[in-house]
């Protein structure tokens, strides 16, 4: 196969697996029933993921019962072009009596990850995790109980907004700079996860469409 044909195939693959617009890159097109490119990743047990329509919106539903598994989309995102992560999410409930800063309480009804791969140097992989916290106040930040290479940011807290869709926008490049002290201009994967394995509880959440946008 010639290099020209290889390049053409790569372009066709990219267009088939992502939605390209002038000002955004769609990586989670759940409202269209599209799960292309998303793969399960299990840590402990299996959170059940399926498409579901609720309150006028179709999203990726997650049901966790003492389990921890996520859905991952691996693809490069140029943060110089589209640094703003935009998504919708919804939780049915939060978790009781947990301290999310400890390993025993490291559970969340909903979280959205952005991942900077360390490649062969896997220990250099860095992760920013936007969470719907059960106990920590909105706006708080802390290191994961398992690794300082994962930084947690609580965007929502408690059950105040539970039972309805909530929209989020975050400047990922700015958040990475604040978390790791360097200007990171590319990420390599996006993931979502609802997990309750450490506390043994149950949670249900929905993830709406996910895209990266140019700054407004």
Protein backbone atom coordinates (compact mmCIF):
# COMPACT_ATOMS: atom_id res chain seq x y z
CA UNK A 1 0.00 0.00 0.00
CA UNK A 2 1.40 3.42 -0.95
CA UNK A 3 1.96 6.15 1.62
CA UNK A 4 -0.77 8.20 -0.08
CA UNK A 5 -3.28 5.39 0.41
CA UNK A 6 -2.15 4.91 4.01
CA UNK A 7 -2.71 8.60 4.70
CA UNK A 8 -6.13 8.48 3.06
CA UNK A 9 -7.14 5.47 5.16
CA UNK A 10 -6.05 7.24 8.33
CA UNK A 11 -8.17 10.27 7.45
CA UNK A 12 -11.18 8.08 6.71
CA UNK A 13 -10.72 6.22 10.01
CA UNK A 14 -10.52 9.47 11.95
CA UNK A 15 -13.65 10.86 10.30
CA UNK A 16 -15.52 7.62 10.96
CA UNK A 17 -14.56 7.50 14.63
CA UNK A 18 -14.91 11.17 15.60
CA UNK A 19 -17.14 14.04 14.58
CA UNK A 20 -15.05 16.93 13.32
CA UNK A 21 -16.46 20.46 13.34
CA UNK A 22 -14.87 23.84 12.81
CA UNK A 23 -14.86 24.60 16.53
CA UNK A 24 -15.10 21.22 18.26
CA UNK A 25 -14.15 17.54 18.29
CA UNK A 26 -16.86 15.15 19.50
CA UNK A 27 -15.46 12.13 21.35
CA UNK A 28 -18.65 10.86 22.99
CA UNK A 29 -21.66 10.98 20.67
CA UNK A 30 -23.98 9.09 22.99
CA UNK A 31 -27.11 11.03 22.01
CA UNK A 32 -26.80 9.44 18.56
CA UNK A 33 -26.46 5.95 20.06
CA UNK A 34 -22.81 5.87 19.03
CA UNK A 35 -20.29 4.01 21.22
CA UNK A 36 -17.62 3.71 18.51
CA UNK A 37 -14.11 3.79 19.97
CA UNK A 38 -15.19 3.37 23.60
CA UNK A 39 -13.81 0.31 25.37
CA UNK A 40 -14.43 -1.11 28.86
CA UNK A 41 -11.66 -1.14 31.45
CA UNK A 42 -12.15 -3.04 34.71
CA UNK A 43 -10.44 -2.47 38.05
CA UNK A 44 -12.76 -4.47 40.33
CA UNK A 45 -15.93 -6.10 39.13
CA UNK A 46 -18.02 -4.64 36.32
CA UNK A 47 -20.04 -1.45 36.39
CA UNK A 48 -22.83 -1.92 33.82
CA UNK A 49 -22.76 0.62 30.99
CA UNK A 50 -25.56 0.99 28.44
CA UNK A 51 -27.27 3.68 26.41
CA UNK A 52 -30.36 5.05 28.10
CA UNK A 53 -32.84 7.87 27.50
CA UNK A 54 -33.89 9.90 30.54
CA UNK A 55 -35.35 13.39 30.95
CA UNK A 56 -35.23 14.16 27.25
CA UNK A 57 -31.59 13.20 26.72
CA UNK A 58 -29.84 9.99 25.65
CA UNK A 59 -26.63 9.23 27.50
CA UNK A 60 -24.36 6.47 28.68
CA UNK A 61 -25.90 5.01 31.83
CA UNK A 62 -23.68 3.48 34.52
CA UNK A 63 -24.90 1.18 37.30
CA UNK A 64 -22.32 0.26 39.94
CA UNK A 65 -22.83 -2.25 42.74
CA UNK A 66 -19.56 -2.56 44.71
CA UNK A 67 -17.75 -2.44 41.36
CA UNK A 68 -15.15 -0.28 39.62
CA UNK A 69 -14.93 -0.32 35.84
CA UNK A 70 -14.96 2.45 33.29
CA UNK A 71 -15.30 3.22 29.61
CA UNK A 72 -12.22 4.60 27.85
CA UNK A 73 -11.77 6.43 24.54
CA UNK A 74 -8.16 6.57 23.35
CA UNK A 75 -7.40 9.35 20.87
CA UNK A 76 -5.05 12.33 20.77
CA UNK A 77 -6.54 15.73 21.60
CA UNK A 78 -4.64 18.90 20.66
CA UNK A 79 -5.18 21.26 23.58
CA UNK A 80 -3.67 24.15 21.65
CA UNK A 81 -6.63 23.93 19.27
CA UNK A 82 -9.47 22.62 21.45
CA UNK A 83 -8.61 22.96 25.15
CA UNK A 84 -12.16 23.16 26.53
CA UNK A 85 -13.81 19.92 27.63
CA UNK A 86 -17.62 20.10 27.47
CA UNK A 87 -20.05 17.45 28.67
CA UNK A 88 -23.33 16.69 30.43
CA UNK A 89 -23.80 14.34 33.38
CA UNK A 90 -26.48 13.27 35.82
CA UNK A 91 -26.45 11.21 39.04
CA UNK A 92 -29.31 9.42 40.72
CA UNK A 93 -27.61 9.37 44.12
CA UNK A 94 -24.40 10.09 46.01
CA UNK A 95 -22.62 7.85 48.50
CA UNK A 96 -23.04 7.85 52.27
CA UNK A 97 -20.41 8.35 54.97
CA UNK A 98 -17.26 8.21 52.83
CA UNK A 99 -13.99 10.16 52.88
CA UNK A 100 -12.89 10.36 49.26
CA UNK A 101 -9.36 11.36 50.25
CA UNK A 102 -8.77 7.84 51.63
CA UNK A 103 -8.51 4.48 49.87
CA UNK A 104 -11.51 3.20 51.82
CA UNK A 105 -13.63 6.04 50.44
CA UNK A 106 -12.22 6.45 46.93
CA UNK A 107 -15.62 6.03 45.24
CA UNK A 108 -17.63 8.40 43.07
CA UNK A 109 -21.10 8.32 41.51
CA UNK A 110 -19.55 9.95 38.44
CA UNK A 111 -16.11 10.89 37.19
CA UNK A 112 -14.64 12.06 33.90
CA UNK A 113 -10.93 11.52 33.25
CA UNK A 114 -8.44 13.09 30.88
CA UNK A 115 -5.22 11.10 30.53
CA UNK A 116 -1.72 12.13 29.50
CA UNK A 117 0.07 8.91 28.60
CA UNK A 118 3.60 8.26 29.76
CA UNK A 119 4.04 5.70 26.98
CA UNK A 120 6.61 3.07 27.83
CA UNK A 121 7.39 5.07 30.97
CA UNK A 122 3.96 4.18 32.39
CA UNK A 123 4.83 5.66 35.77
CA UNK A 124 4.83 9.10 34.11
CA UNK A 125 1.19 8.82 33.05
CA UNK A 126 -0.78 11.71 34.54
CA UNK A 127 -4.51 11.95 35.00
CA UNK A 128 -6.91 14.76 35.75
CA UNK A 129 -10.21 13.55 37.21
CA UNK A 130 -13.34 15.69 37.31
CA UNK A 131 -15.64 14.21 39.95
CA UNK A 132 -19.15 14.48 41.28
CA UNK A 133 -18.19 14.28 44.93
CA UNK A 134 -20.35 12.85 47.69
CA UNK A 135 -18.55 14.65 50.54
CA UNK A 136 -15.88 17.12 49.37
CA UNK A 137 -17.02 20.69 48.62
CA UNK A 138 -17.32 21.84 45.02
CA UNK A 139 -14.10 23.48 43.87
CA UNK A 140 -11.83 21.42 46.12
CA UNK A 141 -8.79 19.61 44.75
CA UNK A 142 -6.71 16.74 46.12
CA UNK A 143 -4.43 13.91 45.08
CA UNK A 144 -5.95 10.51 44.46
CA UNK A 145 -5.67 8.23 47.48
CA UNK A 146 -3.80 5.77 45.25
CA UNK A 147 -1.33 7.99 43.33
CA UNK A 148 -0.14 11.59 43.25
CA UNK A 149 -0.15 11.34 39.44
CA UNK A 150 -3.97 11.55 39.51
CA UNK A 151 -5.40 14.90 40.58
CA UNK A 152 -9.04 15.13 41.62
CA UNK A 153 -11.26 18.19 41.08
CA UNK A 154 -14.74 18.27 42.60
CA UNK A 155 -17.10 20.05 40.22
CA UNK A 156 -20.30 19.00 41.99
CA UNK A 157 -20.89 18.01 45.59
CA UNK A 158 -23.65 16.12 47.30
CA UNK A 159 -27.20 15.42 46.21
CA UNK A 160 -28.32 19.01 45.58
CA UNK A 161 -28.27 18.61 41.79
CA UNK A 162 -28.98 14.86 41.75
CA UNK A 163 -31.79 13.73 39.48
CA UNK A 164 -31.18 16.28 36.72
CA UNK A 165 -28.79 16.83 33.86
CA UNK A 166 -25.94 19.24 34.55
CA UNK A 167 -23.66 20.84 31.93
CA UNK A 168 -19.92 21.36 32.47
CA UNK A 169 -17.12 23.20 30.67
CA UNK A 170 -13.49 23.04 31.77
CA UNK A 171 -10.29 24.47 30.30
CA UNK A 172 -8.27 21.25 30.46
CA UNK A 173 -5.00 22.88 29.50
CA UNK A 174 -5.35 25.40 32.34
CA UNK A 175 -6.41 22.70 34.81
CA UNK A 176 -3.43 20.51 33.87
CA UNK A 177 -1.08 23.46 34.31
CA UNK A 178 -2.51 24.17 37.76
CA UNK A 179 -2.37 20.50 38.76
CA UNK A 180 1.07 19.51 37.44
CA UNK A 181 2.92 22.80 37.05
CA UNK A 182 3.63 22.51 33.33
CA UNK A 183 2.01 23.44 30.06
CA UNK A 184 0.65 20.17 28.63
CA UNK A 185 -0.65 20.61 25.09
CA UNK A 186 -1.92 17.11 24.30
CA UNK A 187 -3.91 14.42 26.03
CA UNK A 188 -4.22 10.82 24.89
CA UNK A 189 -7.49 9.49 26.29
CA UNK A 190 -10.81 10.36 27.89
CA UNK A 191 -12.66 8.05 30.27
CA UNK A 192 -15.79 7.93 32.40
CA UNK A 193 -16.31 5.82 35.49
CA UNK A 194 -18.90 5.22 38.19
CA UNK A 195 -17.35 3.19 41.00
CA UNK A 196 -18.37 1.96 44.44
CA UNK A 197 -15.98 -0.92 45.08
CA UNK A 198 -14.18 0.55 48.10
CA UNK A 199 -17.33 1.44 50.04
CA UNK A 200 -19.43 -1.49 48.79
CA UNK A 201 -22.33 0.83 47.98
CA UNK A 202 -24.37 1.35 44.80
CA UNK A 203 -24.66 4.31 42.44
CA UNK A 204 -26.27 5.17 39.12
CA UNK A 205 -25.17 7.93 36.77
CA UNK A 206 -25.57 9.07 33.17
CA UNK A 207 -22.94 10.66 30.93
CA UNK A 208 -24.09 12.87 28.08
CA UNK A 209 -22.24 13.87 24.93
CA UNK A 210 -18.56 14.76 25.38
CA UNK A 211 -16.58 17.09 23.12
CA UNK A 212 -13.55 19.37 23.07
CA UNK A 213 -14.12 22.96 22.00
CA UNK A 214 -12.24 26.12 21.17
CA UNK A 215 -12.38 28.75 23.93
CA UNK A 216 -15.45 30.96 23.90
